[in-house]
Protein backbone atom coordinates (compact mmCIF):
# COMPACT_ATOMS: atom_id res chain seq x y z
CA MET A 1 248.36 149.00 170.99
CA LYS A 2 251.18 151.52 170.74
CA ARG A 3 253.59 151.24 167.83
CA VAL A 4 257.23 150.76 168.73
CA GLN A 5 260.00 152.01 166.47
CA HIS A 6 263.02 149.74 166.73
CA ASP A 7 266.39 151.22 165.88
CA LEU A 8 268.50 149.90 163.03
CA ASN A 9 271.07 148.21 165.32
CA PHE A 10 268.37 146.17 167.03
CA LYS A 11 266.92 145.10 163.68
CA MET A 12 270.35 144.09 162.38
CA ASP A 13 271.03 142.04 165.54
CA ILE A 14 267.72 140.20 165.12
CA ILE A 15 268.42 139.52 161.43
CA ARG A 16 271.95 138.31 162.25
CA LYS A 17 270.64 135.93 164.93
CA GLY A 18 267.98 134.68 162.54
CA LYS A 19 270.57 133.94 159.88
CA GLU A 20 272.83 132.17 162.40
CA ILE A 21 270.22 129.71 163.58
CA GLY A 22 268.33 129.65 160.28
CA ASN A 23 264.96 130.42 161.84
CA PHE A 24 263.72 134.00 161.97
CA THR A 25 260.45 132.97 163.61
CA ALA A 26 262.20 131.45 166.62
CA VAL A 27 264.31 134.58 167.08
CA ALA A 28 261.20 136.74 166.83
CA ARG A 29 259.47 134.75 169.55
CA GLN A 30 262.52 134.94 171.80
CA HIS A 31 262.35 138.73 171.61
CA GLU A 32 258.52 138.84 171.75
CA LEU A 33 258.21 140.24 168.24
CA ASP A 34 255.85 139.44 165.41
CA PRO A 35 257.51 136.82 163.15
CA LYS A 36 256.10 138.46 160.02
CA MET A 37 257.68 141.76 160.98
CA VAL A 38 261.09 140.12 161.44
CA LEU A 39 260.78 138.39 158.07
CA ARG A 40 259.89 141.75 156.53
CA TRP A 41 263.01 143.29 158.09
CA ALA A 42 265.10 140.45 156.72
CA ALA A 43 263.60 140.83 153.27
CA LYS A 44 264.44 144.54 153.24
CA GLU A 45 268.01 144.08 154.49
CA LEU A 46 268.93 140.98 152.54
CA ASN A 47 268.66 140.54 148.83
CA ARG A 48 265.35 139.01 147.83
CA LYS A 49 267.29 136.02 146.45
CA ASP A 50 268.88 135.33 149.85
CA VAL A 51 265.49 135.29 151.56
CA ASP A 52 264.01 132.99 148.90
CA GLN A 53 266.96 130.60 149.20
CA LEU A 54 266.35 130.11 152.91
CA ASP A 55 264.66 126.83 153.66
CA GLY A 56 261.01 126.89 154.59
CA ALA A 57 261.86 126.26 158.25
CA SER A 58 262.73 129.91 158.78
CA LYS A 59 259.37 131.02 157.41
CA ARG A 60 257.27 128.45 159.25
CA GLN A 61 256.05 128.67 162.79
CA ALA A 62 258.69 127.64 165.30
CA ALA A 63 257.79 124.18 166.55
CA PHE A 64 258.80 122.55 169.79
CA ILE A 65 261.57 120.08 169.02
CA PRO A 66 262.01 117.78 172.01
CA THR A 67 265.40 116.51 173.10
CA ALA A 68 266.17 113.06 174.46
CA GLU A 69 265.77 114.40 177.99
CA ASP A 70 262.36 115.83 177.08
CA PHE A 71 261.30 112.44 175.67
CA LYS A 72 262.41 110.71 178.84
CA GLN A 73 260.49 113.20 180.98
CA LEU A 74 257.38 112.85 178.79
CA GLU A 75 257.55 109.05 178.94
CA HIS A 76 257.83 109.21 182.74
CA GLU A 77 254.85 111.56 182.94
CA ASN A 78 252.88 109.36 180.53
CA GLU A 79 253.49 106.26 182.68
CA LYS A 80 252.48 108.17 185.79
CA LEU A 81 249.24 109.31 184.17
CA LYS A 82 248.46 105.80 182.90
CA LYS A 83 248.83 104.42 186.42
CA LEU A 84 246.61 107.16 187.82
CA LEU A 85 243.94 106.45 185.20
CA ALA A 86 244.07 102.71 185.92
CA GLU A 87 243.72 103.36 189.67
CA GLN A 88 240.72 105.62 189.08
CA ALA A 89 239.05 103.06 186.82
CA LEU A 90 239.61 100.33 189.41
CA GLU A 91 238.24 102.53 192.18
CA ARG A 92 235.18 103.33 190.08
CA GLU A 93 234.52 99.62 189.44
CA ILE A 94 234.89 98.82 193.14
CA LEU A 95 232.42 101.56 194.04
CA LYS A 96 229.94 100.30 191.43
CA ASP A 97 230.14 96.76 192.80
CA LEU A 98 229.68 98.04 196.34
CA LEU A 99 226.68 100.10 195.27
CA LYS A 100 225.14 97.09 193.52
CA LYS A 101 225.52 94.98 196.66
CA THR A 102 223.99 97.59 198.94
CA ASN A 103 221.15 98.54 196.55
CA PRO A 104 220.29 95.58 194.31
CA ASN A 105 217.24 97.34 192.76
CA LEU A 106 219.31 100.35 191.61
CA ARG A 107 220.16 100.47 187.89
CA ILE A 108 223.79 101.38 187.24
CA LYS A 109 225.31 101.78 183.83
């Protein structure tokens, strides 16, 4: 993998965005950068005290935080999948019963 040298203006923009939202990891992922590298940039540019005072959220992995719309969409998808599973289970039971009727000597679990 080839090393890329980022210029100082780019680094400062990334650090500024990270400070604004309070999560350097999320900013790093938006720009397809290594989160540890962005934290290292921030540590060099900011005082060590400022970096230590940041809450742990900026140092942790960025997690998916669903919105109300996402919850609604997930609930809808969950209901759809539950119905599909129930239909498949019912179909399987019907086929087993049919198989038992046509072949009474056949063992079916």
